[in-house]
Protein backbone atom coordinates (compact mmCIF):
# COMPACT_ATOMS: atom_id res chain seq x y z
CA MET A 1 17.00 49.08 6.84
CA ARG A 2 16.56 48.65 3.13
CA ARG A 3 17.46 45.33 1.58
CA VAL A 4 19.03 44.97 -1.83
CA LYS A 5 18.61 41.95 -4.05
CA LEU A 6 21.78 41.09 -5.90
CA HIS A 7 21.54 39.31 -9.21
CA ASN A 8 23.67 36.21 -9.30
CA PRO A 9 23.03 33.75 -12.11
CA PHE A 10 23.79 30.80 -9.84
CA LYS A 11 22.21 31.85 -6.56
CA THR A 12 19.95 34.71 -5.59
CA ARG A 13 20.10 36.16 -2.12
CA ILE A 14 19.04 39.27 -0.27
CA ILE A 15 21.80 41.30 1.38
CA ASP A 16 21.71 44.43 3.52
CA GLU A 17 22.51 47.61 1.61
CA LYS A 18 25.23 48.46 4.15
CA LEU A 19 26.99 45.15 3.44
CA VAL A 20 26.86 45.80 -0.30
CA ARG A 21 28.42 49.25 0.15
CA GLU A 22 31.17 47.86 2.38
CA HIS A 23 31.87 45.04 -0.07
CA LEU A 24 32.08 47.45 -3.02
CA ALA A 25 34.32 49.81 -1.03
CA LEU A 26 36.70 46.94 -0.26
CA GLU A 27 36.74 45.91 -3.92
CA ARG A 28 37.57 49.49 -4.96
CA THR A 29 40.37 49.55 -2.41
CA LYS A 30 41.77 46.27 -3.75
CA LEU A 31 41.70 47.60 -7.31
CA ALA A 32 43.38 50.85 -6.24
CA ASN A 33 46.05 48.80 -4.46
CA GLU A 34 46.72 46.81 -7.65
CA ARG A 35 46.80 50.00 -9.72
CA THR A 36 49.34 51.52 -7.32
CA LEU A 37 51.54 48.42 -7.58
CA LEU A 38 51.45 48.65 -11.37
CA SER A 39 52.46 52.33 -11.12
CA TYR A 40 55.45 51.38 -8.99
CA ILE A 41 56.41 48.70 -11.53
CA ARG A 42 56.04 51.19 -14.40
CA ALA A 43 58.27 53.76 -12.66
CA SER A 44 60.79 51.02 -11.91
CA ILE A 45 60.91 49.98 -15.57
CA TYR A 46 61.43 53.60 -16.64
CA LEU A 47 64.33 53.90 -14.22
CA LEU A 48 65.77 50.60 -15.43
CA ILE A 49 65.67 51.74 -19.06
CA SER A 50 67.17 55.12 -18.28
CA GLY A 51 69.88 53.58 -16.10
CA LEU A 52 70.85 51.12 -18.82
CA ALA A 53 70.88 53.92 -21.40
CA LEU A 54 73.12 56.06 -19.21
CA LEU A 55 75.51 53.15 -18.70
CA GLN A 56 75.84 52.82 -22.49
CA ILE A 57 77.12 56.40 -22.76
CA LYS A 58 80.85 56.25 -22.08
CA GLU A 59 81.79 59.94 -22.16
CA TYR A 60 79.58 62.93 -22.80
CA GLN A 61 81.46 66.24 -23.00
CA GLY A 62 83.98 65.09 -20.43
CA ILE A 63 81.36 64.00 -17.86
CA SER A 64 81.12 60.35 -16.90
CA LEU A 65 77.46 59.40 -16.45
CA MET A 66 78.18 55.89 -15.18
CA TRP A 67 77.46 56.79 -11.56
CA VAL A 68 74.12 58.34 -12.54
CA GLY A 69 73.26 55.13 -14.40
CA TYR A 70 74.09 52.98 -11.39
CA LEU A 71 72.09 55.33 -9.16
CA ALA A 72 69.08 54.94 -11.49
CA LEU A 73 69.42 51.14 -11.32
CA PHE A 74 69.59 51.27 -7.52
CA ILE A 75 66.51 53.49 -7.33
CA CYS A 76 64.78 51.12 -9.78
CA ILE A 77 65.25 48.20 -7.39
CA LEU A 78 64.24 50.38 -4.44
CA PHE A 79 61.00 51.44 -6.16
CA LEU A 80 60.16 47.83 -6.93
CA LEU A 81 60.77 46.68 -3.36
CA VAL A 82 58.78 49.55 -1.84
CA GLY A 83 55.87 48.93 -4.22
CA ILE A 84 55.73 45.20 -3.53
CA SER A 85 56.04 45.67 0.24
CA ARG A 86 53.24 48.28 0.31
CA TYR A 87 51.03 46.04 -1.83
CA ILE A 88 51.55 43.04 0.46
CA ALA A 89 50.99 45.11 3.62
CA LEU A 90 47.68 46.56 2.41
CA GLU A 91 46.54 43.20 1.06
CA ARG A 92 47.14 41.61 4.47
CA LYS A 93 45.22 44.42 6.19
CA LEU A 94 42.29 43.96 3.82
CA ASN A 95 42.28 40.19 4.32
CA ASN A 96 42.34 40.63 8.11
CA LEU A 97 39.48 43.10 7.84
CA LEU A 98 37.45 40.62 5.80
CA ARG A 99 38.19 37.82 8.28
CA ASP A 100 37.07 40.02 11.18
CA ASP A 101 33.80 40.80 9.39
CA ASP A 102 33.19 37.10 8.67
CA SER A 103 33.81 36.13 12.28
CA GLU A 104 31.44 38.87 13.54
CA GLU A 105 28.71 37.70 11.16
CA SER A 106 29.06 34.10 12.31
CA GLU A 107 28.88 35.19 15.98
CA HIS A 108 25.69 37.19 15.33
CA SER A 109 24.04 34.28 13.55
CA LYS A 110 24.60 31.93 16.49
């Protein structure tokens, strides 16, 4: 097993290469989770803007677009709720995974 020395300006320590890879994989997953949440928020804002714009149009060639505007606002709220719930669910899974790893390491050190 190859050991990797991480540079930390406050404390130097030697960590197994496998632990470094797992740590970096978890960090990438956290960043991807945040990026996905921001994508849900962006889509929700687009739907909010389009819904408000459609509600401002009273009549367009005899077609009332009010119901389409309200539908866009409903989907906006739905996107936001789904995005936040998925973010929280994955964050909890990642935190549980990290806790399990910490408890296993403490058991092996005893």
